[in-house]
Amino acid sequence: MGYRGPAPKPTVLKRQEGNPGRRPLNDREPQPAKVTPTMPEHLDEDARREWRRLVRILRRMRVLTEADGIALGTLCQAQSTLAKAQIQITRTGLVVKTPNGFVQQNPLLKVVNQQSEIVIRHLREFGLTPASRSRLTAEEAVPSDAALFKLLSQPRPPRRLVPSLEDSDAAPPNVN
């Protein structure tokens, strides 16, 4: 049985909003590392292609962590299964004839409906629907090592230890 009520709001979001409920905040909420999870081995080729596409999007959104591998894999495989079932329905039609000659709804419609629910639920979890995106806050962008290296490897302008006379508006000192 699942949890009751709406999903709790992340502690970071509660802090940003000023903790409107005035309830104690979870200071020990787990914070997984912001690294790309490893692609699961069991994904088929279409799911792998979807994984690579979504990883790029989720990294730009700064919401992907090491703990998201299973959920992202499930999303990608469900999307792949959904697409294959829809292609098959397009070929065979919405209704099929049974061996007894009766006409019935294509059984693949049940697969499409189940996979659609899984896909939509996981899209919401990752903030990939318009409504769910408005509820998410991403971490601030941290300069990457490459950006830092580029900044530090730029040549500095030469420093002058003694100011030149051309830079000064004042008269040169009188030496006697």
N, C-alpha and C. Protein backbone atom coordinates (compact mmCIF):
# COMPACT_ATOMS: atom_id res chain seq x y z
N MET A 1 0.84 -1.18 0.00
CA MET A 1 0.00 0.00 0.00
C MET A 1 0.89 1.24 0.00
N GLY A 2 0.51 2.24 -0.75
CA GLY A 2 1.32 3.45 -0.87
C GLY A 2 1.14 4.39 0.31
N TYR A 3 1.86 5.48 0.24
CA TYR A 3 1.76 6.50 1.28
C TYR A 3 0.43 7.24 1.16
N ARG A 4 -0.04 7.78 2.26
CA ARG A 4 -1.29 8.53 2.25
C ARG A 4 -1.00 10.01 2.06
N GLY A 5 -1.88 10.68 1.36
CA GLY A 5 -1.78 12.12 1.19
C GLY A 5 -0.78 12.52 0.13
N PRO A 6 -0.63 13.80 -0.07
CA PRO A 6 0.30 14.29 -1.09
C PRO A 6 1.76 14.05 -0.68
N ALA A 7 2.62 13.99 -1.66
CA ALA A 7 4.04 13.80 -1.38
C ALA A 7 4.57 15.00 -0.60
N PRO A 8 5.45 14.77 0.38
CA PRO A 8 5.99 15.90 1.14
C PRO A 8 6.88 16.79 0.27
N LYS A 9 6.88 18.05 0.62
CA LYS A 9 7.70 19.02 -0.09
C LYS A 9 9.15 18.88 0.38
N PRO A 10 10.12 18.96 -0.53
CA PRO A 10 11.52 18.88 -0.10
C PRO A 10 11.87 19.99 0.88
N THR A 11 12.77 19.68 1.81
CA THR A 11 13.17 20.64 2.84
C THR A 11 13.75 21.92 2.24
N VAL A 12 14.51 21.79 1.18
CA VAL A 12 15.11 22.96 0.53
C VAL A 12 14.01 23.93 0.09
N LEU A 13 12.95 23.39 -0.47
CA LEU A 13 11.85 24.22 -0.94
C LEU A 13 11.12 24.88 0.24
N LYS A 14 10.93 24.13 1.32
CA LYS A 14 10.28 24.70 2.51
C LYS A 14 11.10 25.88 3.05
N ARG A 15 12.44 25.73 3.07
CA ARG A 15 13.30 26.82 3.55
C ARG A 15 13.18 28.04 2.66
N GLN A 16 13.17 27.83 1.34
CA GLN A 16 13.08 28.95 0.40
C GLN A 16 11.77 29.71 0.58
N GLU A 17 10.72 29.00 0.96
CA GLU A 17 9.41 29.63 1.15
C GLU A 17 9.25 30.20 2.56
N GLY A 18 10.25 30.07 3.40
CA GLY A 18 10.18 30.60 4.75
C GLY A 18 9.45 29.69 5.73
N ASN A 19 9.33 28.41 5.42
CA ASN A 19 8.66 27.43 6.28
C ASN A 19 7.28 27.91 6.71
N PRO A 20 6.34 28.06 5.74
CA PRO A 20 5.03 28.62 6.06
C PRO A 20 4.24 27.81 7.08
N GLY A 21 4.44 26.48 7.17
CA GLY A 21 3.70 25.66 8.12
C GLY A 21 4.27 25.70 9.52
N ARG A 22 5.45 26.27 9.69
CA ARG A 22 6.13 26.40 10.99
C ARG A 22 6.37 25.06 11.67
N ARG A 23 6.35 23.98 10.90
CA ARG A 23 6.67 22.67 11.47
C ARG A 23 8.18 22.49 11.44
N PRO A 24 8.71 21.61 12.30
CA PRO A 24 10.17 21.39 12.30
C PRO A 24 10.63 20.86 10.93
N LEU A 25 11.76 21.38 10.46
CA LEU A 25 12.31 20.96 9.17
C LEU A 25 13.22 19.75 9.35
N ASN A 26 13.27 18.92 8.33
CA ASN A 26 14.12 17.73 8.35
C ASN A 26 15.54 18.15 7.99
N ASP A 27 16.39 18.33 9.01
CA ASP A 27 17.77 18.74 8.76
C ASP A 27 18.64 17.57 8.32
N ARG A 28 18.10 16.36 8.39
CA ARG A 28 18.89 15.18 8.03
C ARG A 28 18.37 14.53 6.75
N GLU A 29 17.73 15.31 5.91
CA GLU A 29 17.23 14.79 4.63
C GLU A 29 18.42 14.37 3.77
N PRO A 30 18.38 13.16 3.21
CA PRO A 30 19.51 12.70 2.39
C PRO A 30 19.74 13.61 1.18
N GLN A 31 20.98 13.84 0.85
CA GLN A 31 21.36 14.67 -0.29
C GLN A 31 22.27 13.85 -1.21
N PRO A 32 21.71 13.13 -2.18
CA PRO A 32 22.57 12.34 -3.07
C PRO A 32 23.45 13.24 -3.93
N ALA A 33 24.57 12.70 -4.35
CA ALA A 33 25.52 13.47 -5.16
C ALA A 33 24.91 13.80 -6.52
N LYS A 34 25.25 14.98 -7.04
CA LYS A 34 24.74 15.45 -8.33
C LYS A 34 25.59 14.89 -9.46
N VAL A 35 25.55 13.59 -9.62
CA VAL A 35 26.29 12.94 -10.70
C VAL A 35 25.31 12.10 -11.52
N THR A 36 25.67 11.84 -12.76
CA THR A 36 24.82 11.05 -13.64
C THR A 36 24.86 9.59 -13.22
N PRO A 37 23.68 8.99 -12.99
CA PRO A 37 23.68 7.57 -12.62
C PRO A 37 24.09 6.69 -13.81
N THR A 38 24.48 5.47 -13.51
CA THR A 38 24.87 4.52 -14.54
C THR A 38 23.63 3.98 -15.23
N MET A 39 23.68 3.89 -16.57
CA MET A 39 22.56 3.37 -17.33
C MET A 39 22.37 1.88 -17.02
N PRO A 40 21.15 1.45 -16.68
CA PRO A 40 20.92 0.03 -16.40
C PRO A 40 21.19 -0.83 -17.63
N GLU A 41 21.71 -2.03 -17.40
CA GLU A 41 22.06 -2.95 -18.48
C GLU A 41 20.84 -3.48 -19.22
N HIS A 42 19.70 -3.60 -18.54
CA HIS A 42 18.53 -4.27 -19.11
C HIS A 42 17.75 -3.43 -20.12
N LEU A 43 18.08 -2.16 -20.29
CA LEU A 43 17.32 -1.31 -21.20
C LEU A 43 17.50 -1.76 -22.65
N ASP A 44 16.39 -1.77 -23.41
CA ASP A 44 16.53 -2.09 -24.82
C ASP A 44 17.06 -0.87 -25.57
N GLU A 45 17.29 -1.00 -26.86
CA GLU A 45 17.95 0.07 -27.63
C GLU A 45 17.15 1.37 -27.63
N ASP A 46 15.82 1.29 -27.78
CA ASP A 46 15.01 2.51 -27.76
C ASP A 46 15.05 3.17 -26.38
N ALA A 47 15.04 2.36 -25.33
CA ALA A 47 15.11 2.90 -23.97
C ALA A 47 16.47 3.54 -23.71
N ARG A 48 17.53 2.95 -24.27
CA ARG A 48 18.87 3.54 -24.12
C ARG A 48 18.95 4.90 -24.81
N ARG A 49 18.34 4.98 -25.98
CA ARG A 49 18.33 6.26 -26.70
C ARG A 49 17.56 7.32 -25.88
N GLU A 50 16.43 6.90 -25.28
CA GLU A 50 15.64 7.81 -24.44
C GLU A 50 16.43 8.21 -23.19
N TRP A 51 17.18 7.26 -22.61
CA TRP A 51 18.03 7.56 -21.44
C TRP A 51 19.00 8.68 -21.78
N ARG A 52 19.72 8.53 -22.90
CA ARG A 52 20.71 9.54 -23.27
C ARG A 52 20.06 10.90 -23.51
N ARG A 53 18.88 10.92 -24.12
CA ARG A 53 18.17 12.17 -24.38
C ARG A 53 17.74 12.83 -23.06
N LEU A 54 17.16 12.05 -22.15
CA LEU A 54 16.68 12.61 -20.89
C LEU A 54 17.81 13.02 -19.96
N VAL A 55 18.92 12.30 -19.97
CA VAL A 55 20.05 12.67 -19.11
C VAL A 55 20.54 14.07 -19.49
N ARG A 56 20.62 14.37 -20.77
CA ARG A 56 21.06 15.71 -21.19
C ARG A 56 20.09 16.77 -20.67
N ILE A 57 18.80 16.52 -20.78
CA ILE A 57 17.79 17.47 -20.33
C ILE A 57 17.85 17.64 -18.81
N LEU A 58 17.90 16.53 -18.08
CA LEU A 58 17.89 16.59 -16.61
C LEU A 58 19.16 17.21 -16.05
N ARG A 59 20.29 17.03 -16.74
CA ARG A 59 21.52 17.70 -16.29
C ARG A 59 21.41 19.21 -16.48
N ARG A 60 20.85 19.63 -17.61
CA ARG A 60 20.66 21.07 -17.83
C ARG A 60 19.72 21.65 -16.78
N MET A 61 18.71 20.87 -16.39
CA MET A 61 17.76 21.32 -15.36
C MET A 61 18.36 21.23 -13.96
N ARG A 62 19.50 20.58 -13.81
CA ARG A 62 20.20 20.40 -12.54
C ARG A 62 19.35 19.68 -11.49
N VAL A 63 18.65 18.61 -11.93
CA VAL A 63 17.85 17.83 -11.00
C VAL A 63 18.28 16.37 -10.93
N LEU A 64 19.25 15.95 -11.73
CA LEU A 64 19.65 14.55 -11.78
C LEU A 64 20.69 14.24 -10.70
N THR A 65 20.47 13.15 -9.96
CA THR A 65 21.42 12.72 -8.93
C THR A 65 21.74 11.24 -9.11
N GLU A 66 22.71 10.78 -8.35
CA GLU A 66 23.11 9.38 -8.41
C GLU A 66 21.99 8.44 -7.98
N ALA A 67 21.03 8.91 -7.23
CA ALA A 67 19.94 8.08 -6.72
C ALA A 67 18.80 7.91 -7.73
N ASP A 68 18.87 8.54 -8.87
CA ASP A 68 17.77 8.56 -9.83
C ASP A 68 17.85 7.48 -10.91
N GLY A 69 18.83 6.61 -10.85
CA GLY A 69 19.04 5.63 -11.91
C GLY A 69 17.88 4.69 -12.14
N ILE A 70 17.32 4.13 -11.07
CA ILE A 70 16.23 3.15 -11.23
C ILE A 70 14.98 3.84 -11.77
N ALA A 71 14.64 5.00 -11.21
CA ALA A 71 13.44 5.71 -11.68
C ALA A 71 13.60 6.15 -13.13
N LEU A 72 14.76 6.65 -13.49
CA LEU A 72 15.00 7.08 -14.87
C LEU A 72 14.99 5.88 -15.81
N GLY A 73 15.57 4.76 -15.39
CA GLY A 73 15.54 3.54 -16.20
C GLY A 73 14.12 3.05 -16.41
N THR A 74 13.30 3.09 -15.37
CA THR A 74 11.90 2.68 -15.47
C THR A 74 11.16 3.58 -16.45
N LEU A 75 11.39 4.87 -16.35
CA LEU A 75 10.76 5.82 -17.26
C LEU A 75 11.14 5.51 -18.71
N CYS A 76 12.41 5.30 -18.96
CA CYS A 76 12.89 5.07 -20.33
C CYS A 76 12.36 3.76 -20.89
N GLN A 77 12.34 2.69 -20.08
CA GLN A 77 11.84 1.41 -20.56
C GLN A 77 10.34 1.47 -20.79
N ALA A 78 9.61 2.16 -19.92
CA ALA A 78 8.16 2.30 -20.10
C ALA A 78 7.86 3.09 -21.37
N GLN A 79 8.64 4.13 -21.64
CA GLN A 79 8.46 4.91 -22.86
C GLN A 79 8.72 4.05 -24.10
N SER A 80 9.75 3.22 -24.04
CA SER A 80 10.08 2.32 -25.15
C SER A 80 8.95 1.32 -25.39
N THR A 81 8.45 0.70 -24.32
CA THR A 81 7.36 -0.27 -24.43
C THR A 81 6.09 0.40 -24.96
N LEU A 82 5.81 1.60 -24.48
CA LEU A 82 4.66 2.36 -24.94
C LEU A 82 4.74 2.63 -26.44
N ALA A 83 5.88 3.06 -26.90
CA ALA A 83 6.05 3.37 -28.32
C ALA A 83 5.88 2.11 -29.17
N LYS A 84 6.44 0.99 -28.74
CA LYS A 84 6.32 -0.26 -29.50
C LYS A 84 4.87 -0.73 -29.56
N ALA A 85 4.15 -0.61 -28.43
CA ALA A 85 2.74 -1.02 -28.41
C ALA A 85 1.91 -0.13 -29.32
N GLN A 86 2.19 1.17 -29.32
CA GLN A 86 1.42 2.07 -30.17
C GLN A 86 1.69 1.80 -31.65
N ILE A 87 2.93 1.48 -31.99
CA ILE A 87 3.26 1.14 -33.38
C ILE A 87 2.50 -0.12 -33.80
N GLN A 88 2.45 -1.11 -32.91
CA GLN A 88 1.73 -2.35 -33.21
C GLN A 88 0.24 -2.10 -33.36
N ILE A 89 -0.34 -1.24 -32.53
CA ILE A 89 -1.76 -0.91 -32.64
C ILE A 89 -2.03 -0.21 -33.98
N THR A 90 -1.12 0.64 -34.41
CA THR A 90 -1.29 1.31 -35.70
C THR A 90 -1.34 0.28 -36.82
N ARG A 91 -0.55 -0.77 -36.72
CA ARG A 91 -0.53 -1.83 -37.75
C ARG A 91 -1.78 -2.71 -37.70
N THR A 92 -2.20 -3.10 -36.48
CA THR A 92 -3.29 -4.08 -36.35
C THR A 92 -4.66 -3.45 -36.15
N GLY A 93 -4.72 -2.19 -35.74
CA GLY A 93 -6.00 -1.52 -35.53
C GLY A 93 -6.43 -1.54 -34.08
N LEU A 94 -7.45 -0.74 -33.77
CA LEU A 94 -7.96 -0.63 -32.40
C LEU A 94 -8.80 -1.84 -32.00
N VAL A 95 -9.37 -2.52 -32.98
CA VAL A 95 -10.15 -3.73 -32.70
C VAL A 95 -9.53 -4.89 -33.47
N VAL A 96 -9.64 -6.08 -32.88
CA VAL A 96 -9.12 -7.29 -33.53
C VAL A 96 -10.18 -8.37 -33.47
N LYS A 97 -10.05 -9.34 -34.37
CA LYS A 97 -10.97 -10.47 -34.40
C LYS A 97 -10.37 -11.62 -33.61
N THR A 98 -11.15 -12.21 -32.74
CA THR A 98 -10.69 -13.37 -31.97
C THR A 98 -10.73 -14.61 -32.86
N PRO A 99 -10.08 -15.70 -32.43
CA PRO A 99 -10.15 -16.93 -33.21
C PRO A 99 -11.59 -17.44 -33.40
N ASN A 100 -12.49 -17.08 -32.50
CA ASN A 100 -13.90 -17.49 -32.60
C ASN A 100 -14.70 -16.58 -33.51
N GLY A 101 -14.06 -15.51 -34.03
CA GLY A 101 -14.76 -14.62 -34.94
C GLY A 101 -15.38 -13.39 -34.29
N PHE A 102 -15.21 -13.24 -32.98
CA PHE A 102 -15.75 -12.07 -32.30
C PHE A 102 -14.79 -10.89 -32.48
N VAL A 103 -15.35 -9.69 -32.46
CA VAL A 103 -14.54 -8.48 -32.55
C VAL A 103 -14.37 -7.94 -31.13
N GLN A 104 -13.15 -7.62 -30.78
CA GLN A 104 -12.89 -7.07 -29.44
C GLN A 104 -11.82 -5.98 -29.52
N GLN A 105 -11.75 -5.22 -28.47
CA GLN A 105 -10.73 -4.17 -28.36
C GLN A 105 -9.35 -4.82 -28.39
N ASN A 106 -8.41 -4.17 -29.05
CA ASN A 106 -7.05 -4.67 -29.14
C ASN A 106 -6.46 -4.77 -27.72
N PRO A 107 -5.95 -5.93 -27.30
CA PRO A 107 -5.37 -6.09 -25.97
C PRO A 107 -4.17 -5.16 -25.72
N LEU A 108 -3.54 -4.69 -26.78
CA LEU A 108 -2.40 -3.78 -26.61
C LEU A 108 -2.83 -2.42 -26.06
N LEU A 109 -4.11 -2.09 -26.16
CA LEU A 109 -4.58 -0.82 -25.58
C LEU A 109 -4.37 -0.80 -24.06
N LYS A 110 -4.51 -1.96 -23.43
CA LYS A 110 -4.26 -2.04 -21.98
C LYS A 110 -2.79 -1.78 -21.69
N VAL A 111 -1.90 -2.32 -22.52
CA VAL A 111 -0.46 -2.08 -22.36
C VAL A 111 -0.16 -0.59 -22.52
N VAL A 112 -0.76 0.03 -23.55
CA VAL A 112 -0.54 1.46 -23.79
C VAL A 112 -1.00 2.28 -22.59
N ASN A 113 -2.19 1.97 -22.06
CA ASN A 113 -2.70 2.72 -20.91
C ASN A 113 -1.81 2.56 -19.68
N GLN A 114 -1.36 1.34 -19.40
CA GLN A 114 -0.51 1.10 -18.23
C GLN A 114 0.84 1.81 -18.37
N GLN A 115 1.44 1.70 -19.56
CA GLN A 115 2.74 2.33 -19.77
C GLN A 115 2.61 3.86 -19.76
N SER A 116 1.49 4.37 -20.27
CA SER A 116 1.27 5.83 -20.24
C SER A 116 1.22 6.34 -18.82
N GLU A 117 0.56 5.59 -17.93
CA GLU A 117 0.49 6.00 -16.52
C GLU A 117 1.88 6.02 -15.89
N ILE A 118 2.66 4.99 -16.18
CA ILE A 118 4.02 4.92 -15.63
C ILE A 118 4.86 6.09 -16.15
N VAL A 119 4.77 6.35 -17.44
CA VAL A 119 5.56 7.44 -18.05
C VAL A 119 5.17 8.78 -17.44
N ILE A 120 3.88 9.07 -17.39
CA ILE A 120 3.42 10.37 -16.85
C ILE A 120 3.84 10.53 -15.39
N ARG A 121 3.68 9.47 -14.59
CA ARG A 121 4.06 9.54 -13.17
C ARG A 121 5.55 9.84 -13.02
N HIS A 122 6.39 9.19 -13.81
CA HIS A 122 7.83 9.42 -13.71
C HIS A 122 8.23 10.77 -14.32
N LEU A 123 7.54 11.20 -15.35
CA LEU A 123 7.83 12.54 -15.89
C LEU A 123 7.58 13.60 -14.83
N ARG A 124 6.50 13.43 -14.06
CA ARG A 124 6.21 14.39 -12.98
C ARG A 124 7.30 14.38 -11.91
N GLU A 125 7.77 13.19 -11.56
CA GLU A 125 8.81 13.08 -10.54
C GLU A 125 10.07 13.85 -10.93
N PHE A 126 10.40 13.84 -12.20
CA PHE A 126 11.61 14.52 -12.67
C PHE A 126 11.34 15.96 -13.09
N GLY A 127 10.10 16.43 -12.98
CA GLY A 127 9.79 17.81 -13.36
C GLY A 127 9.78 18.00 -14.86
N LEU A 128 9.33 17.00 -15.60
CA LEU A 128 9.35 17.06 -17.06
C LEU A 128 7.97 17.33 -17.67
N THR A 129 7.02 17.77 -16.86
CA THR A 129 5.74 18.24 -17.38
C THR A 129 5.63 19.72 -17.00
N PRO A 130 4.86 20.50 -17.75
CA PRO A 130 4.77 21.93 -17.43
C PRO A 130 4.33 22.21 -15.99
N ALA A 131 3.32 21.50 -15.51
CA ALA A 131 2.83 21.75 -14.14
C ALA A 131 3.87 21.35 -13.10
N SER A 132 4.51 20.21 -13.30
CA SER A 132 5.49 19.77 -12.30
C SER A 132 6.74 20.64 -12.30
N ARG A 133 7.09 21.20 -13.46
CA ARG A 133 8.25 22.09 -13.54
C ARG A 133 8.06 23.32 -12.68
N SER A 134 6.82 23.81 -12.60
CA SER A 134 6.58 25.01 -11.81
C SER A 134 6.74 24.75 -10.32
N ARG A 135 6.68 23.49 -9.91
CA ARG A 135 6.83 23.15 -8.49
C ARG A 135 8.26 22.85 -8.09
N LEU A 136 9.16 22.71 -9.06
CA LEU A 136 10.55 22.35 -8.76
C LEU A 136 11.44 23.57 -8.64
N THR A 137 12.45 23.44 -7.82
CA THR A 137 13.53 24.42 -7.80
C THR A 137 14.82 23.66 -7.98
N ALA A 138 15.65 24.13 -8.88
CA ALA A 138 16.92 23.46 -9.17
C ALA A 138 18.02 24.08 -8.33
N GLU A 139 19.07 23.32 -8.15
CA GLU A 139 20.24 23.83 -7.46
C GLU A 139 20.87 24.94 -8.29
N GLU A 140 21.52 25.89 -7.63
CA GLU A 140 22.22 26.93 -8.38
C GLU A 140 23.36 26.32 -9.15
N ALA A 141 23.62 26.88 -10.31
CA ALA A 141 24.70 26.35 -11.15
C ALA A 141 26.04 26.57 -10.46
N VAL A 142 26.80 25.52 -10.41
CA VAL A 142 28.14 25.58 -9.84
C VAL A 142 29.11 25.53 -11.01
N PRO A 143 30.09 26.45 -11.06
CA PRO A 143 31.02 26.40 -12.19
C PRO A 143 31.73 25.05 -12.23
N SER A 144 31.82 24.51 -13.42
CA SER A 144 32.48 23.22 -13.57
C SER A 144 34.00 23.39 -13.46
N ASP A 145 34.68 22.28 -13.33
CA ASP A 145 36.14 22.32 -13.27
C ASP A 145 36.71 22.90 -14.55
N ALA A 146 36.09 22.60 -15.69
CA ALA A 146 36.57 23.12 -16.97
C ALA A 146 36.44 24.65 -17.02
N ALA A 147 35.32 25.17 -16.52
CA ALA A 147 35.13 26.62 -16.52
C ALA A 147 36.13 27.29 -15.58
N LEU A 148 36.36 26.66 -14.43
CA LEU A 148 37.33 27.20 -13.48
C LEU A 148 38.74 27.17 -14.07
N PHE A 149 39.10 26.06 -14.72
CA PHE A 149 40.41 25.94 -15.34
C PHE A 149 40.59 27.00 -16.42
N LYS A 150 39.55 27.23 -17.22
CA LYS A 150 39.62 28.24 -18.29
C LYS A 150 39.85 29.63 -17.68
N LEU A 151 39.12 29.92 -16.61
CA LEU A 151 39.26 31.22 -15.96
C LEU A 151 40.66 31.39 -15.39
N LEU A 152 41.18 30.37 -14.74
CA LEU A 152 42.49 30.48 -14.11
C LEU A 152 43.64 30.43 -15.10
N SER A 153 43.41 29.89 -16.29
CA SER A 153 44.49 29.79 -17.27
C SER A 153 44.58 30.99 -18.21
N GLN A 154 43.69 31.97 -18.04
CA GLN A 154 43.78 33.18 -18.86
C GLN A 154 44.99 34.00 -18.42
N PRO A 155 45.69 34.58 -19.39
CA PRO A 155 46.84 35.40 -19.00
C PRO A 155 46.38 36.66 -18.27
N ARG A 156 47.14 37.01 -17.27
CA ARG A 156 46.82 38.24 -16.52
C ARG A 156 47.50 39.40 -17.19
N PRO A 157 46.90 40.58 -17.11
CA PRO A 157 47.58 41.75 -17.65
C PRO A 157 48.82 42.05 -16.81
N PRO A 158 49.86 42.57 -17.45
CA PRO A 158 51.08 42.85 -16.68
C PRO A 158 50.82 43.91 -15.60
N ARG A 159 51.45 43.72 -14.46
CA ARG A 159 51.30 44.70 -13.37
C ARG A 159 52.49 45.64 -13.41
N ARG A 160 52.22 46.89 -13.16
CA ARG A 160 53.31 47.88 -13.07
C ARG A 160 53.61 48.11 -11.60
N LEU A 161 54.85 47.96 -11.27
CA LEU A 161 55.24 48.14 -9.88
C LEU A 161 55.41 49.60 -9.55
N VAL A 162 55.92 50.39 -10.51
CA VAL A 162 56.14 51.81 -10.28
C VAL A 162 55.26 52.57 -11.26
N PRO A 163 54.44 53.50 -10.76
CA PRO A 163 53.60 54.24 -11.69
C PRO A 163 54.46 55.11 -12.61
N SER A 164 54.07 55.14 -13.87
CA SER A 164 54.83 55.96 -14.82
C SER A 164 54.40 57.40 -14.72
N LEU A 165 55.23 58.29 -15.24
CA LEU A 165 54.92 59.72 -15.19
C LEU A 165 53.75 60.07 -16.10
N GLU A 166 53.56 59.29 -17.16
CA GLU A 166 52.45 59.59 -18.07
C GLU A 166 51.11 59.35 -17.41
N ASP A 167 51.05 58.43 -16.44
CA ASP A 167 49.79 58.11 -15.77
C ASP A 167 49.40 59.15 -14.75
N SER A 168 50.34 60.00 -14.34
CA SER A 168 50.08 60.95 -13.27
C SER A 168 49.75 62.32 -13.86
N ASP A 169 48.76 62.96 -13.28
CA ASP A 169 48.41 64.33 -13.69
C ASP A 169 49.22 65.35 -12.91
N ALA A 170 49.80 64.90 -11.84
CA ALA A 170 50.55 65.82 -10.99
C ALA A 170 51.93 66.07 -11.59
N ALA A 171 52.53 67.18 -11.18
CA ALA A 171 53.87 67.53 -11.65
C ALA A 171 54.88 66.59 -11.03
N PRO A 172 55.98 66.33 -11.74
CA PRO A 172 56.99 65.44 -11.17
C PRO A 172 57.61 66.08 -9.93
N PRO A 173 58.03 65.23 -9.02
CA PRO A 173 58.61 65.77 -7.79
C PRO A 173 59.89 66.53 -8.10
N ASN A 174 60.08 67.58 -7.35
CA ASN A 174 61.27 68.43 -7.50
C ASN A 174 62.42 67.81 -6.73
N VAL A 175 63.43 67.45 -7.45
CA VAL A 175 64.57 66.82 -6.79
C VAL A 175 65.69 67.85 -6.74
N ASN A 176 66.21 68.21 -5.58
CA ASN A 176 67.31 69.18 -5.43
C ASN A 176 68.52 68.57 -4.92
